[in-house]
Amino acid sequence: MKNYQKKSTFLILFGLLLSIHSIHAQTIKEIEIYNWFDNTVGKENLDLNNGVLYTNPYRTTNDDNLFLNDRFEKGNVSYNGQMYYDTSLKYDIYRDILILNPQGASELIGVSLSTEKVDSFTISNRNFIKIRKEKYTFPGFSTGYYETSLFNENFIFYIKHSKNIQKKIKEDGIYYSSKSNNDFYLDYEKKLYYINGKSDLIKLFPEKKKQINEFYFMNRGLAKSDLNQFMKNLMKYTSSLLSNQTKEN
């Protein structure tokens, strides 16, 4: 609470010295102010660091892991109502846990951030938000972190990253291998749809069947090599088709 009060005071005083020239300048200044406060107060004292020590009980091979990326990367996180910029983050996909590497600590140390307090985060140029299952009346939809691509307010694409693991016994011990098993959802006009493949999208937009089929044919290589990126491109393309249709009408 003291840190919060200090932060508010610093921001008010410091804000009086700023000249606001544009929305972009405001964003840059906001990041600079927060970073200035974090460095002034000391990141080791911030609420962000008050979590449980992260442990990974699953031993994997060098070419396999349970994370979005195996190393900590700089990102931003909205935690307990506060924004934190340029923090070292890692996302455990299997257990749906966001991990923080505290300022100045070894990369071997991670803090599990409370899911209840995390609202959103950005890592590897991907935006994630926490969605509660109560938001949608959709069977099987669960609370968790979802990668989001907002094309417009009526067309939002979600990827629920997940991994299945399998135990493997080797001469030097037990290992686990993992395989991605992501789910894709589309929030179209405030209603959620599960997009498991081409047929689901054509069912939703039957008038765009020809264009959707052509997109699949022209991008089948990407669909095999990077399904997540393929689906993002497909949703962007579909959103564009719908926007053009609206303009024509």
C-alpha atoms as a PDB file:
ATOM      1  CA  MET A   1       0.000   0.000   0.000  1.00  0.00           C
ATOM      2  CA  LYS A   2       2.909   2.326   0.803  1.00  0.00           C
ATOM      3  CA  ASN A   3       4.492   1.596  -2.568  1.00  0.00           C
ATOM      4  CA  TYR A   4       1.167   2.363  -4.264  1.00  0.00           C
ATOM      5  CA  GLN A   5       0.878   5.688  -2.401  1.00  0.00           C
ATOM      6  CA  LYS A   6       4.465   6.581  -3.245  1.00  0.00           C
ATOM      7  CA  LYS A   7       3.848   5.667  -6.871  1.00  0.00           C
ATOM      8  CA  SER A   8       0.762   7.889  -7.049  1.00  0.00           C
ATOM      9  CA  THR A   9       2.650  10.825  -5.488  1.00  0.00           C
ATOM     10  CA  PHE A  10       5.616  10.469  -7.813  1.00  0.00           C
ATOM     11  CA  LEU A  11       3.378  10.232 -10.859  1.00  0.00           C
ATOM     12  CA  ILE A  12       1.383  13.344  -9.911  1.00  0.00           C
ATOM     13  CA  LEU A  13       4.479  15.458  -9.231  1.00  0.00           C
ATOM     14  CA  PHE A  14       6.376  14.188 -12.228  1.00  0.00           C
ATOM     15  CA  GLY A  15       3.345  14.497 -14.474  1.00  0.00           C
ATOM     16  CA  LEU A  16       3.262  18.285 -13.899  1.00  0.00           C
ATOM     17  CA  LEU A  17       6.598  18.560 -15.693  1.00  0.00           C
ATOM     18  CA  LEU A  18       5.535  16.717 -18.838  1.00  0.00           C
ATOM     19  CA  SER A  19       4.487  18.377 -22.083  1.00  0.00           C
ATOM     20  CA  ILE A  20       1.871  16.350 -23.924  1.00  0.00           C
ATOM     21  CA  HIS A  21       2.402  16.562 -27.689  1.00  0.00           C
ATOM     22  CA  SER A  22       0.641  13.477 -29.042  1.00  0.00           C
ATOM     23  CA  ILE A  23      -0.970  10.177 -28.074  1.00  0.00           C
ATOM     24  CA  HIS A  24       2.219   8.376 -29.093  1.00  0.00           C
ATOM     25  CA  ALA A  25       4.315  10.697 -26.932  1.00  0.00           C
ATOM     26  CA  GLN A  26       1.971  10.042 -23.999  1.00  0.00           C
ATOM     27  CA  THR A  27       2.494   6.300 -24.324  1.00  0.00           C
ATOM     28  CA  ILE A  28       6.291   6.650 -24.431  1.00  0.00           C
ATOM     29  CA  LYS A  29       6.269   9.021 -21.468  1.00  0.00           C
ATOM     30  CA  GLU A  30       3.997   6.707 -19.485  1.00  0.00           C
ATOM     31  CA  ILE A  31       6.436   3.831 -19.918  1.00  0.00           C
ATOM     32  CA  GLU A  32       9.368   6.055 -18.970  1.00  0.00           C
ATOM     33  CA  ILE A  33       7.571   7.275 -15.835  1.00  0.00           C
ATOM     34  CA  TYR A  34       6.719   3.777 -14.635  1.00  0.00           C
ATOM     35  CA  ASN A  35      10.258   2.563 -15.284  1.00  0.00           C
ATOM     36  CA  TRP A  36      11.642   5.629 -13.492  1.00  0.00           C
ATOM     37  CA  PHE A  37       9.488   4.897 -10.438  1.00  0.00           C
ATOM     38  CA  ASP A  38      10.365   1.188 -10.457  1.00  0.00           C
ATOM     39  CA  ASN A  39      14.073   1.998 -10.506  1.00  0.00           C
ATOM     40  CA  THR A  40      13.688   4.720  -7.854  1.00  0.00           C
ATOM     41  CA  VAL A  41      11.749   2.620  -5.368  1.00  0.00           C
ATOM     42  CA  GLY A  42      13.533  -0.612  -6.240  1.00  0.00           C
ATOM     43  CA  LYS A  43      11.953  -3.393  -8.252  1.00  0.00           C
ATOM     44  CA  GLU A  44      12.762  -5.877  -5.525  1.00  0.00           C
ATOM     45  CA  ASN A  45      10.168  -4.135  -3.322  1.00  0.00           C
ATOM     46  CA  LEU A  46       7.326  -4.085  -5.868  1.00  0.00           C
ATOM     47  CA  ASP A  47       4.109  -6.037  -5.416  1.00  0.00           C
ATOM     48  CA  LEU A  48       4.950  -7.892  -8.616  1.00  0.00           C
ATOM     49  CA  ASN A  49       7.684  -9.874  -6.855  1.00  0.00           C
ATOM     50  CA  ASN A  50       5.395 -11.153  -4.104  1.00  0.00           C
ATOM     51  CA  GLY A  51       4.638 -14.572  -5.553  1.00  0.00           C
ATOM     52  CA  VAL A  52       5.426 -18.231  -5.042  1.00  0.00           C
ATOM     53  CA  LEU A  53       8.778 -19.608  -6.128  1.00  0.00           C
ATOM     54  CA  TYR A  54       8.287 -21.407  -9.447  1.00  0.00           C
ATOM     55  CA  THR A  55       9.378 -25.026  -9.707  1.00  0.00           C
ATOM     56  CA  ASN A  56       9.190 -27.290 -12.748  1.00  0.00           C
ATOM     57  CA  PRO A  57       8.826 -30.985 -11.833  1.00  0.00           C
ATOM     58  CA  TYR A  58       8.855 -32.094 -15.476  1.00  0.00           C
ATOM     59  CA  ARG A  59      12.274 -33.025 -16.817  1.00  0.00           C
ATOM     60  CA  THR A  60      12.388 -32.633 -20.584  1.00  0.00           C
ATOM     61  CA  THR A  61      14.992 -33.160 -23.276  1.00  0.00           C
ATOM     62  CA  ASN A  62      16.978 -30.234 -24.668  1.00  0.00           C
ATOM     63  CA  ASP A  63      14.795 -29.916 -27.771  1.00  0.00           C
ATOM     64  CA  ASP A  64      11.512 -30.050 -25.852  1.00  0.00           C
ATOM     65  CA  ASN A  65       9.926 -27.781 -23.267  1.00  0.00           C
ATOM     66  CA  LEU A  66       6.590 -26.816 -21.775  1.00  0.00           C
ATOM     67  CA  PHE A  67       6.895 -23.079 -22.384  1.00  0.00           C
ATOM     68  CA  LEU A  68       5.982 -20.559 -25.057  1.00  0.00           C
ATOM     69  CA  ASN A  69       9.727 -19.895 -25.144  1.00  0.00           C
ATOM     70  CA  ASP A  70      12.253 -21.640 -22.929  1.00  0.00           C
ATOM     71  CA  ARG A  71      14.114 -18.460 -21.919  1.00  0.00           C
ATOM     72  CA  PHE A  72      12.951 -15.362 -20.076  1.00  0.00           C
ATOM     73  CA  GLU A  73      12.101 -12.473 -22.390  1.00  0.00           C
ATOM     74  CA  LYS A  74      11.315  -8.816 -21.855  1.00  0.00           C
ATOM     75  CA  GLY A  75       7.603  -8.129 -21.769  1.00  0.00           C
ATOM     76  CA  ASN A  76       4.837  -6.143 -20.101  1.00  0.00           C
ATOM     77  CA  VAL A  77       2.288  -7.312 -17.567  1.00  0.00           C
ATOM     78  CA  SER A  78      -0.819  -5.822 -15.953  1.00  0.00           C
ATOM     79  CA  TYR A  79      -0.714  -7.120 -12.383  1.00  0.00           C
ATOM     80  CA  ASN A  80      -3.023  -6.225  -9.500  1.00  0.00           C
ATOM     81  CA  GLY A  81      -4.217  -3.130 -11.357  1.00  0.00           C
ATOM     82  CA  GLN A  82      -0.709  -1.844 -12.141  1.00  0.00           C
ATOM     83  CA  MET A  83       1.285  -1.919 -15.397  1.00  0.00           C
ATOM     84  CA  TYR A  84       4.860  -3.191 -15.313  1.00  0.00           C
ATOM     85  CA  TYR A  85       7.054  -2.648 -18.362  1.00  0.00           C
ATOM     86  CA  ASP A  86      10.287  -4.318 -19.477  1.00  0.00           C
ATOM     87  CA  THR A  87       9.949  -7.224 -17.060  1.00  0.00           C
ATOM     88  CA  SER A  88      11.518 -10.638 -17.638  1.00  0.00           C
ATOM     89  CA  LEU A  89       8.726 -13.126 -18.276  1.00  0.00           C
ATOM     90  CA  LYS A  90       8.213 -16.733 -19.297  1.00  0.00           C
ATOM     91  CA  TYR A  91       4.915 -18.535 -19.917  1.00  0.00           C
ATOM     92  CA  ASP A  92       4.410 -22.138 -18.786  1.00  0.00           C
ATOM     93  CA  ILE A  93       1.826 -23.327 -21.320  1.00  0.00           C
ATOM     94  CA  TYR A  94       1.231 -26.735 -19.763  1.00  0.00           C
ATOM     95  CA  ARG A  95       0.212 -25.361 -16.359  1.00  0.00           C
ATOM     96  CA  ASP A  96      -0.991 -21.963 -17.628  1.00  0.00           C
ATOM     97  CA  ILE A  97       1.386 -20.039 -15.332  1.00  0.00           C
ATOM     98  CA  LEU A  98       3.075 -16.702 -15.994  1.00  0.00           C
ATOM     99  CA  ILE A  99       6.570 -16.647 -14.497  1.00  0.00           C
ATOM    100  CA  LEU A 100       8.604 -13.599 -13.484  1.00  0.00           C
ATOM    101  CA  ASN A 101      12.373 -13.454 -13.245  1.00  0.00           C
ATOM    102  CA  PRO A 102      12.937 -10.823 -10.495  1.00  0.00           C
ATOM    103  CA  GLN A 103      15.198  -7.871 -11.252  1.00  0.00           C
ATOM    104  CA  GLY A 104      18.835  -8.800 -10.686  1.00  0.00           C
ATOM    105  CA  ALA A 105      18.116 -12.470  -9.967  1.00  0.00           C
ATOM    106  CA  SER A 106      19.610 -15.467 -11.741  1.00  0.00           C
ATOM    107  CA  GLU A 107      17.617 -16.796 -14.703  1.00  0.00           C
ATOM    108  CA  LEU A 108      17.318 -20.011 -12.712  1.00  0.00           C
ATOM    109  CA  ILE A 109      14.950 -18.208 -10.347  1.00  0.00           C
ATOM    110  CA  GLY A 110      11.313 -17.634 -11.231  1.00  0.00           C
ATOM    111  CA  VAL A 111       8.249 -16.377  -9.369  1.00  0.00           C
ATOM    112  CA  SER A 112       4.802 -17.740 -10.243  1.00  0.00           C
ATOM    113  CA  LEU A 113       2.502 -14.755 -10.606  1.00  0.00           C
ATOM    114  CA  SER A 114      -0.977 -15.151  -9.146  1.00  0.00           C
ATOM    115  CA  THR A 115      -3.462 -15.824 -11.945  1.00  0.00           C
ATOM    116  CA  GLU A 116      -6.080 -13.938  -9.969  1.00  0.00           C
ATOM    117  CA  LYS A 117      -3.979 -10.760 -10.129  1.00  0.00           C
ATOM    118  CA  VAL A 118      -2.790 -10.969 -13.737  1.00  0.00           C
ATOM    119  CA  ASP A 119      -5.110  -9.262 -16.219  1.00  0.00           C
ATOM    120  CA  SER A 120      -2.938  -9.350 -19.333  1.00  0.00           C
ATOM    121  CA  PHE A 121       0.627  -9.620 -20.552  1.00  0.00           C
ATOM    122  CA  THR A 122       2.716  -9.232 -23.684  1.00  0.00           C
ATOM    123  CA  ILE A 123       5.615 -11.516 -24.538  1.00  0.00           C
ATOM    124  CA  SER A 124       7.378 -12.397 -27.809  1.00  0.00           C
ATOM    125  CA  ASN A 125       5.256  -9.720 -29.530  1.00  0.00           C
ATOM    126  CA  ARG A 126       2.112 -11.644 -28.597  1.00  0.00           C
ATOM    127  CA  ASN A 127      -0.730 -10.260 -26.526  1.00  0.00           C
ATOM    128  CA  PHE A 128      -2.405 -12.423 -23.894  1.00  0.00           C
ATOM    129  CA  ILE A 129      -5.430 -11.650 -21.763  1.00  0.00           C
ATOM    130  CA  LYS A 130      -7.030 -13.567 -18.928  1.00  0.00           C
ATOM    131  CA  ILE A 131     -10.580 -14.553 -19.771  1.00  0.00           C
ATOM    132  CA  ARG A 132     -12.945 -15.968 -17.191  1.00  0.00           C
ATOM    133  CA  LYS A 133     -15.209 -18.783 -18.254  1.00  0.00           C
ATOM    134  CA  GLU A 134     -18.241 -16.765 -17.144  1.00  0.00           C
ATOM    135  CA  LYS A 135     -17.695 -14.325 -20.013  1.00  0.00           C
ATOM    136  CA  TYR A 136     -19.064 -16.808 -22.532  1.00  0.00           C
ATOM    137  CA  THR A 137     -21.823 -19.386 -22.256  1.00  0.00           C
ATOM    138  CA  PHE A 138     -19.801 -21.912 -24.189  1.00  0.00           C
ATOM    139  CA  PRO A 139     -19.399 -25.613 -23.249  1.00  0.00           C
ATOM    140  CA  GLY A 140     -15.884 -26.515 -22.188  1.00  0.00           C
ATOM    141  CA  PHE A 141     -14.559 -22.951 -22.199  1.00  0.00           C
ATOM    142  CA  SER A 142     -12.287 -22.450 -19.184  1.00  0.00           C
ATOM    143  CA  THR A 143     -10.691 -19.571 -17.333  1.00  0.00           C
ATOM    144  CA  GLY A 144      -7.117 -18.931 -18.419  1.00  0.00           C
ATOM    145  CA  TYR A 145      -4.697 -16.969 -20.562  1.00  0.00           C
ATOM    146  CA  TYR A 146      -5.621 -16.575 -24.224  1.00  0.00           C
ATOM    147  CA  GLU A 147      -3.502 -15.104 -26.983  1.00  0.00           C
ATOM    148  CA  THR A 148      -5.640 -12.470 -28.629  1.00  0.00           C
ATOM    149  CA  SER A 149      -5.740 -10.778 -32.034  1.00  0.00           C
ATOM    150  CA  LEU A 150      -8.186  -7.890 -32.144  1.00  0.00           C
ATOM    151  CA  PHE A 151      -9.131  -7.107 -35.744  1.00  0.00           C
ATOM    152  CA  ASN A 152     -12.135  -5.023 -34.720  1.00  0.00           C
ATOM    153  CA  GLU A 153     -14.537  -4.951 -31.777  1.00  0.00           C
ATOM    154  CA  ASN A 154     -16.805  -7.513 -33.446  1.00  0.00           C
ATOM    155  CA  PHE A 155     -14.057  -9.841 -34.662  1.00  0.00           C
ATOM    156  CA  ILE A 156     -11.609 -11.088 -32.021  1.00  0.00           C
ATOM    157  CA  PHE A 157      -9.489 -14.198 -32.475  1.00  0.00           C
ATOM    158  CA  TYR A 158      -8.270 -16.265 -29.509  1.00  0.00           C
ATOM    159  CA  ILE A 159      -5.667 -19.002 -29.270  1.00  0.00           C
ATOM    160  CA  LYS A 160      -5.690 -21.165 -26.140  1.00  0.00           C
ATOM    161  CA  HIS A 161      -2.188 -22.550 -25.986  1.00  0.00           C
ATOM    162  CA  SER A 162      -1.928 -25.964 -24.370  1.00  0.00           C
ATOM    163  CA  LYS A 163       0.370 -28.961 -24.390  1.00  0.00           C
ATOM    164  CA  ASN A 164      -0.060 -32.658 -23.821  1.00  0.00           C
ATOM    165  CA  ILE A 165       2.793 -34.479 -22.128  1.00  0.00           C
ATOM    166  CA  GLN A 166       3.937 -38.078 -22.220  1.00  0.00           C
ATOM    167  CA  LYS A 167       6.292 -39.836 -19.802  1.00  0.00           C
ATOM    168  CA  LYS A 168       9.392 -41.486 -21.242  1.00  0.00           C
ATOM    169  CA  ILE A 169      11.705 -43.751 -19.258  1.00  0.00           C
ATOM    170  CA  LYS A 170      15.377 -43.623 -20.245  1.00  0.00           C
ATOM    171  CA  GLU A 171      18.542 -45.111 -18.793  1.00  0.00           C
ATOM    172  CA  ASP A 172      19.348 -41.922 -16.872  1.00  0.00           C
ATOM    173  CA  GLY A 173      15.849 -41.268 -15.557  1.00  0.00           C
ATOM    174  CA  ILE A 174      12.316 -40.199 -16.426  1.00  0.00           C
ATOM    175  CA  TYR A 175      11.708 -37.542 -19.078  1.00  0.00           C
ATOM    176  CA  TYR A 176       8.591 -35.917 -20.472  1.00  0.00           C
ATOM    177  CA  SER A 177       7.882 -35.075 -24.075  1.00  0.00           C
ATOM    178  CA  SER A 178       5.274 -32.531 -25.070  1.00  0.00           C
ATOM    179  CA  LYS A 179       3.079 -31.797 -28.049  1.00  0.00           C
ATOM    180  CA  SER A 180       1.120 -28.631 -28.744  1.00  0.00           C
ATOM    181  CA  ASN A 181      -2.645 -29.025 -28.703  1.00  0.00           C
ATOM    182  CA  ASN A 182      -4.018 -25.526 -29.198  1.00  0.00           C
ATOM    183  CA  ASP A 183      -7.659 -24.502 -29.467  1.00  0.00           C
ATOM    184  CA  PHE A 184      -8.921 -21.660 -31.639  1.00  0.00           C
ATOM    185  CA  TYR A 185     -11.911 -19.440 -30.886  1.00  0.00           C
ATOM    186  CA  LEU A 186     -13.548 -16.533 -32.638  1.00  0.00           C
ATOM    187  CA  ASP A 187     -15.572 -13.876 -30.852  1.00  0.00           C
ATOM    188  CA  TYR A 188     -17.821 -12.677 -33.658  1.00  0.00           C
ATOM    189  CA  GLU A 189     -20.372 -10.022 -32.791  1.00  0.00           C
ATOM    190  CA  LYS A 190     -20.047 -10.832 -29.058  1.00  0.00           C
ATOM    191  CA  LYS A 191     -20.701 -14.557 -29.527  1.00  0.00           C
ATOM    192  CA  LEU A 192     -18.005 -17.223 -29.204  1.00  0.00           C
ATOM    193  CA  TYR A 193     -17.366 -19.881 -31.858  1.00  0.00           C
ATOM    194  CA  TYR A 194     -14.931 -22.794 -31.811  1.00  0.00           C
ATOM    195  CA  ILE A 195     -12.899 -22.897 -35.021  1.00  0.00           C
ATOM    196  CA  ASN A 196     -11.467 -26.399 -35.382  1.00  0.00           C
ATOM    197  CA  GLY A 197     -10.926 -26.191 -39.121  1.00  0.00           C
ATOM    198  CA  LYS A 198     -12.091 -24.932 -42.480  1.00  0.00           C
ATOM    199  CA  SER A 199     -15.580 -26.401 -42.160  1.00  0.00           C
ATOM    200  CA  ASP A 200     -16.273 -24.425 -38.962  1.00  0.00           C
ATOM    201  CA  LEU A 201     -15.332 -21.150 -40.620  1.00  0.00           C
ATOM    202  CA  ILE A 202     -17.332 -21.877 -43.768  1.00  0.00           C
ATOM    203  CA  LYS A 203     -20.335 -22.816 -41.631  1.00  0.00           C
ATOM    204  CA  LEU A 204     -20.088 -19.414 -39.950  1.00  0.00           C
ATOM    205  CA  PHE A 205     -19.518 -17.502 -43.207  1.00  0.00           C
ATOM    206  CA  PRO A 206     -21.023 -19.643 -46.007  1.00  0.00           C
ATOM    207  CA  GLU A 207     -21.004 -16.712 -48.445  1.00  0.00           C
ATOM    208  CA  LYS A 208     -17.176 -16.680 -48.212  1.00  0.00           C
ATOM    209  CA  LYS A 209     -16.703 -20.384 -48.975  1.00  0.00           C
ATOM    210  CA  LYS A 210     -14.861 -19.813 -52.252  1.00  0.00           C
ATOM    211  CA  GLN A 211     -12.398 -17.317 -50.786  1.00  0.00           C
ATOM    212  CA  ILE A 212     -11.770 -19.451 -47.697  1.00  0.00           C
ATOM    213  CA  ASN A 213     -11.078 -22.532 -49.833  1.00  0.00           C
ATOM    214  CA  GLU A 214      -8.680 -20.521 -51.990  1.00  0.00           C
ATOM    215  CA  PHE A 215      -6.861 -19.249 -48.910  1.00  0.00           C
ATOM    216  CA  TYR A 216      -6.402 -22.795 -47.596  1.00  0.00           C
ATOM    217  CA  PHE A 217      -5.065 -23.943 -50.964  1.00  0.00           C
ATOM    218  CA  MET A 218      -2.616 -21.043 -51.343  1.00  0.00           C
ATOM    219  CA  ASN A 219      -1.322 -21.328 -47.738  1.00  0.00           C
ATOM    220  CA  ARG A 220      -1.297 -25.079 -47.136  1.00  0.00           C
ATOM    221  CA  GLY A 221       2.468 -25.033 -46.565  1.00  0.00           C
ATOM    222  CA  LEU A 222       2.163 -22.528 -43.704  1.00  0.00           C
ATOM    223  CA  ALA A 223      -0.730 -24.540 -42.253  1.00  0.00           C
ATOM    224  CA  LYS A 224       1.634 -27.500 -41.870  1.00  0.00           C
ATOM    225  CA  SER A 225       4.679 -25.608 -40.612  1.00  0.00           C
ATOM    226  CA  ASP A 226       3.054 -23.004 -38.321  1.00  0.00           C
ATOM    227  CA  LEU A 227      -0.636 -23.572 -37.673  1.00  0.00           C
ATOM    228  CA  ASN A 228      -0.917 -20.669 -35.216  1.00  0.00           C
ATOM    229  CA  GLN A 229       0.367 -18.136 -37.735  1.00  0.00           C
ATOM    230  CA  PHE A 230      -1.754 -19.678 -40.470  1.00  0.00           C
ATOM    231  CA  MET A 231      -4.889 -19.264 -38.355  1.00  0.00           C
ATOM    232  CA  LYS A 232      -3.994 -15.658 -37.534  1.00  0.00           C
ATOM    233  CA  ASN A 233      -3.520 -14.897 -41.219  1.00  0.00           C
ATOM    234  CA  LEU A 234      -6.774 -16.658 -42.058  1.00  0.00           C
ATOM    235  CA  MET A 235      -8.712 -14.642 -39.489  1.00  0.00           C
ATOM    236  CA  LYS A 236      -7.158 -11.400 -40.688  1.00  0.00           C
ATOM    237  CA  TYR A 237      -8.118 -12.297 -44.245  1.00  0.00           C
ATOM    238  CA  THR A 238     -11.679 -13.232 -43.257  1.00  0.00           C
ATOM    239  CA  SER A 239     -12.087 -10.034 -41.254  1.00  0.00           C
ATOM    240  CA  SER A 240     -10.948  -8.064 -44.287  1.00  0.00           C
ATOM    241  CA  LEU A 241     -13.482  -9.865 -46.505  1.00  0.00           C
ATOM    242  CA  LEU A 242     -16.285  -8.983 -44.125  1.00  0.00           C
ATOM    243  CA  SER A 243     -15.169  -5.359 -43.850  1.00  0.00           C
ATOM    244  CA  ASN A 244     -15.085  -4.977 -47.624  1.00  0.00           C
ATOM    245  CA  GLN A 245     -18.529  -6.534 -47.844  1.00  0.00           C
ATOM    246  CA  THR A 246     -19.872  -4.017 -45.330  1.00  0.00           C
ATOM    247  CA  LYS A 247     -18.396  -1.108 -47.310  1.00  0.00           C
ATOM    248  CA  GLU A 248     -19.940  -2.385 -50.549  1.00  0.00           C
ATOM    249  CA  ASN A 249     -23.345  -2.604 -48.898  1.00  0.00           C
END
